[in-house]
């Protein structure tokens, strides 16, 4: 099985201080393998995320990150 996803996030690091809001986006994809008649399975997912400040300064903070998660499991 396969999957894809997208996420949007907006956060304010401190409600009492102006100009510290950020917005972020992420795109993800994953793959799961569960062969018929077996007691094991494998799942993996990868996410690429990027964020930037939301207060209009072109020299403001921005960044990216990547995350990978895998899982192998057996049913007993």
C-alpha atoms as a PDB file:
ATOM      1  CA  UNK A   1       0.000   0.000   0.000  1.00  0.00           C
ATOM      2  CA  UNK A   2       1.129   3.539  -0.586  1.00  0.00           C
ATOM      3  CA  UNK A   3       0.184   6.932   0.732  1.00  0.00           C
ATOM      4  CA  UNK A   4       0.949  10.603   0.171  1.00  0.00           C
ATOM      5  CA  UNK A   5       0.131  13.620   2.287  1.00  0.00           C
ATOM      6  CA  UNK A   6       0.412  17.348   2.743  1.00  0.00           C
ATOM      7  CA  UNK A   7       0.300  19.457   5.890  1.00  0.00           C
ATOM      8  CA  UNK A   8       0.099  23.150   6.704  1.00  0.00           C
ATOM      9  CA  UNK A   9       0.980  24.598  10.092  1.00  0.00           C
ATOM     10  CA  UNK A  10       0.928  28.099  11.592  1.00  0.00           C
ATOM     11  CA  UNK A  11       2.292  28.772  15.068  1.00  0.00           C
ATOM     12  CA  UNK A  12       2.997  31.696  17.346  1.00  0.00           C
ATOM     13  CA  UNK A  13       5.943  31.116  19.673  1.00  0.00           C
ATOM     14  CA  UNK A  14       4.701  33.668  22.224  1.00  0.00           C
ATOM     15  CA  UNK A  15       1.215  35.181  22.266  1.00  0.00           C
ATOM     16  CA  UNK A  16       2.379  38.362  24.010  1.00  0.00           C
ATOM     17  CA  UNK A  17       5.153  39.359  21.571  1.00  0.00           C
ATOM     18  CA  UNK A  18       4.531  40.604  18.038  1.00  0.00           C
ATOM     19  CA  UNK A  19       6.410  39.439  14.948  1.00  0.00           C
ATOM     20  CA  UNK A  20       7.268  35.909  16.012  1.00  0.00           C
ATOM     21  CA  UNK A  21       4.759  33.911  13.963  1.00  0.00           C
ATOM     22  CA  UNK A  22       5.829  31.132  11.626  1.00  0.00           C
ATOM     23  CA  UNK A  23       4.160  29.081   8.919  1.00  0.00           C
ATOM     24  CA  UNK A  24       5.212  25.724   7.612  1.00  0.00           C
ATOM     25  CA  UNK A  25       4.359  23.168   4.956  1.00  0.00           C
ATOM     26  CA  UNK A  26       5.187  19.488   4.683  1.00  0.00           C
ATOM     27  CA  UNK A  27       4.857  16.800   2.036  1.00  0.00           C
ATOM     28  CA  UNK A  28       5.055  13.119   2.882  1.00  0.00           C
ATOM     29  CA  UNK A  29       4.942   9.731   1.219  1.00  0.00           C
ATOM     30  CA  UNK A  30       4.993   6.217   2.561  1.00  0.00           C
ATOM     31  CA  UNK A  31       4.955   2.600   1.536  1.00  0.00           C
ATOM     32  CA  UNK A  32       3.687  -0.472   3.382  1.00  0.00           C
ATOM     33  CA  UNK A  33       4.461  -4.078   2.487  1.00  0.00           C
ATOM     34  CA  UNK A  34       2.371  -6.886   4.027  1.00  0.00           C
ATOM     35  CA  UNK A  35       2.680 -10.039   1.896  1.00  0.00           C
ATOM     36  CA  UNK A  36      -0.328 -12.364   1.989  1.00  0.00           C
ATOM     37  CA  UNK A  37       0.114 -15.409   4.203  1.00  0.00           C
ATOM     38  CA  UNK A  38       3.055 -14.016   6.165  1.00  0.00           C
ATOM     39  CA  UNK A  39       3.285 -12.878   9.777  1.00  0.00           C
ATOM     40  CA  UNK A  40       5.548  -9.907   9.097  1.00  0.00           C
ATOM     41  CA  UNK A  41       5.215  -6.498   7.531  1.00  0.00           C
ATOM     42  CA  UNK A  42       7.291  -3.448   6.704  1.00  0.00           C
ATOM     43  CA  UNK A  43       6.294   0.212   6.644  1.00  0.00           C
ATOM     44  CA  UNK A  44       8.328   3.275   5.768  1.00  0.00           C
ATOM     45  CA  UNK A  45       7.586   6.959   5.442  1.00  0.00           C
ATOM     46  CA  UNK A  46       9.500  10.093   4.429  1.00  0.00           C
ATOM     47  CA  UNK A  47       8.554  13.709   5.094  1.00  0.00           C
ATOM     48  CA  UNK A  48      10.058  16.913   3.733  1.00  0.00           C
ATOM     49  CA  UNK A  49       9.084  20.049   5.662  1.00  0.00           C
ATOM     50  CA  UNK A  50       9.862  23.724   5.110  1.00  0.00           C
ATOM     51  CA  UNK A  51       9.007  26.752   7.218  1.00  0.00           C
ATOM     52  CA  UNK A  52       9.484  30.511   7.225  1.00  0.00           C
ATOM     53  CA  UNK A  53       8.564  33.491   9.329  1.00  0.00           C
ATOM     54  CA  UNK A  54       5.142  35.004   8.735  1.00  0.00           C
ATOM     55  CA  UNK A  55       5.957  38.619   9.586  1.00  0.00           C
ATOM     56  CA  UNK A  56       7.065  39.960   6.210  1.00  0.00           C
ATOM     57  CA  UNK A  57      10.830  40.381   6.676  1.00  0.00           C
ATOM     58  CA  UNK A  58      12.666  38.891   3.650  1.00  0.00           C
ATOM     59  CA  UNK A  59      15.790  38.256   5.725  1.00  0.00           C
ATOM     60  CA  UNK A  60      13.786  36.473   8.433  1.00  0.00           C
ATOM     61  CA  UNK A  61      14.153  32.922   9.607  1.00  0.00           C
ATOM     62  CA  UNK A  62      13.456  30.009   7.276  1.00  0.00           C
ATOM     63  CA  UNK A  63      14.467  26.374   7.189  1.00  0.00           C
ATOM     64  CA  UNK A  64      13.841  22.815   6.039  1.00  0.00           C
ATOM     65  CA  UNK A  65      13.989  19.365   7.557  1.00  0.00           C
ATOM     66  CA  UNK A  66      13.578  15.786   6.439  1.00  0.00           C
ATOM     67  CA  UNK A  67      12.309  12.873   8.499  1.00  0.00           C
ATOM     68  CA  UNK A  68      12.405   9.151   7.795  1.00  0.00           C
ATOM     69  CA  UNK A  69      10.581   6.497   9.811  1.00  0.00           C
ATOM     70  CA  UNK A  70      10.580   2.730   9.260  1.00  0.00           C
ATOM     71  CA  UNK A  71       8.935  -0.153  11.065  1.00  0.00           C
ATOM     72  CA  UNK A  72       9.291  -3.922  10.774  1.00  0.00           C
ATOM     73  CA  UNK A  73       6.782  -5.966  12.743  1.00  0.00           C
ATOM     74  CA  UNK A  74       5.895  -9.619  13.314  1.00  0.00           C
ATOM     75  CA  UNK A  75       2.581 -10.938  14.551  1.00  0.00           C
ATOM     76  CA  UNK A  76       2.870 -13.592  17.271  1.00  0.00           C
END
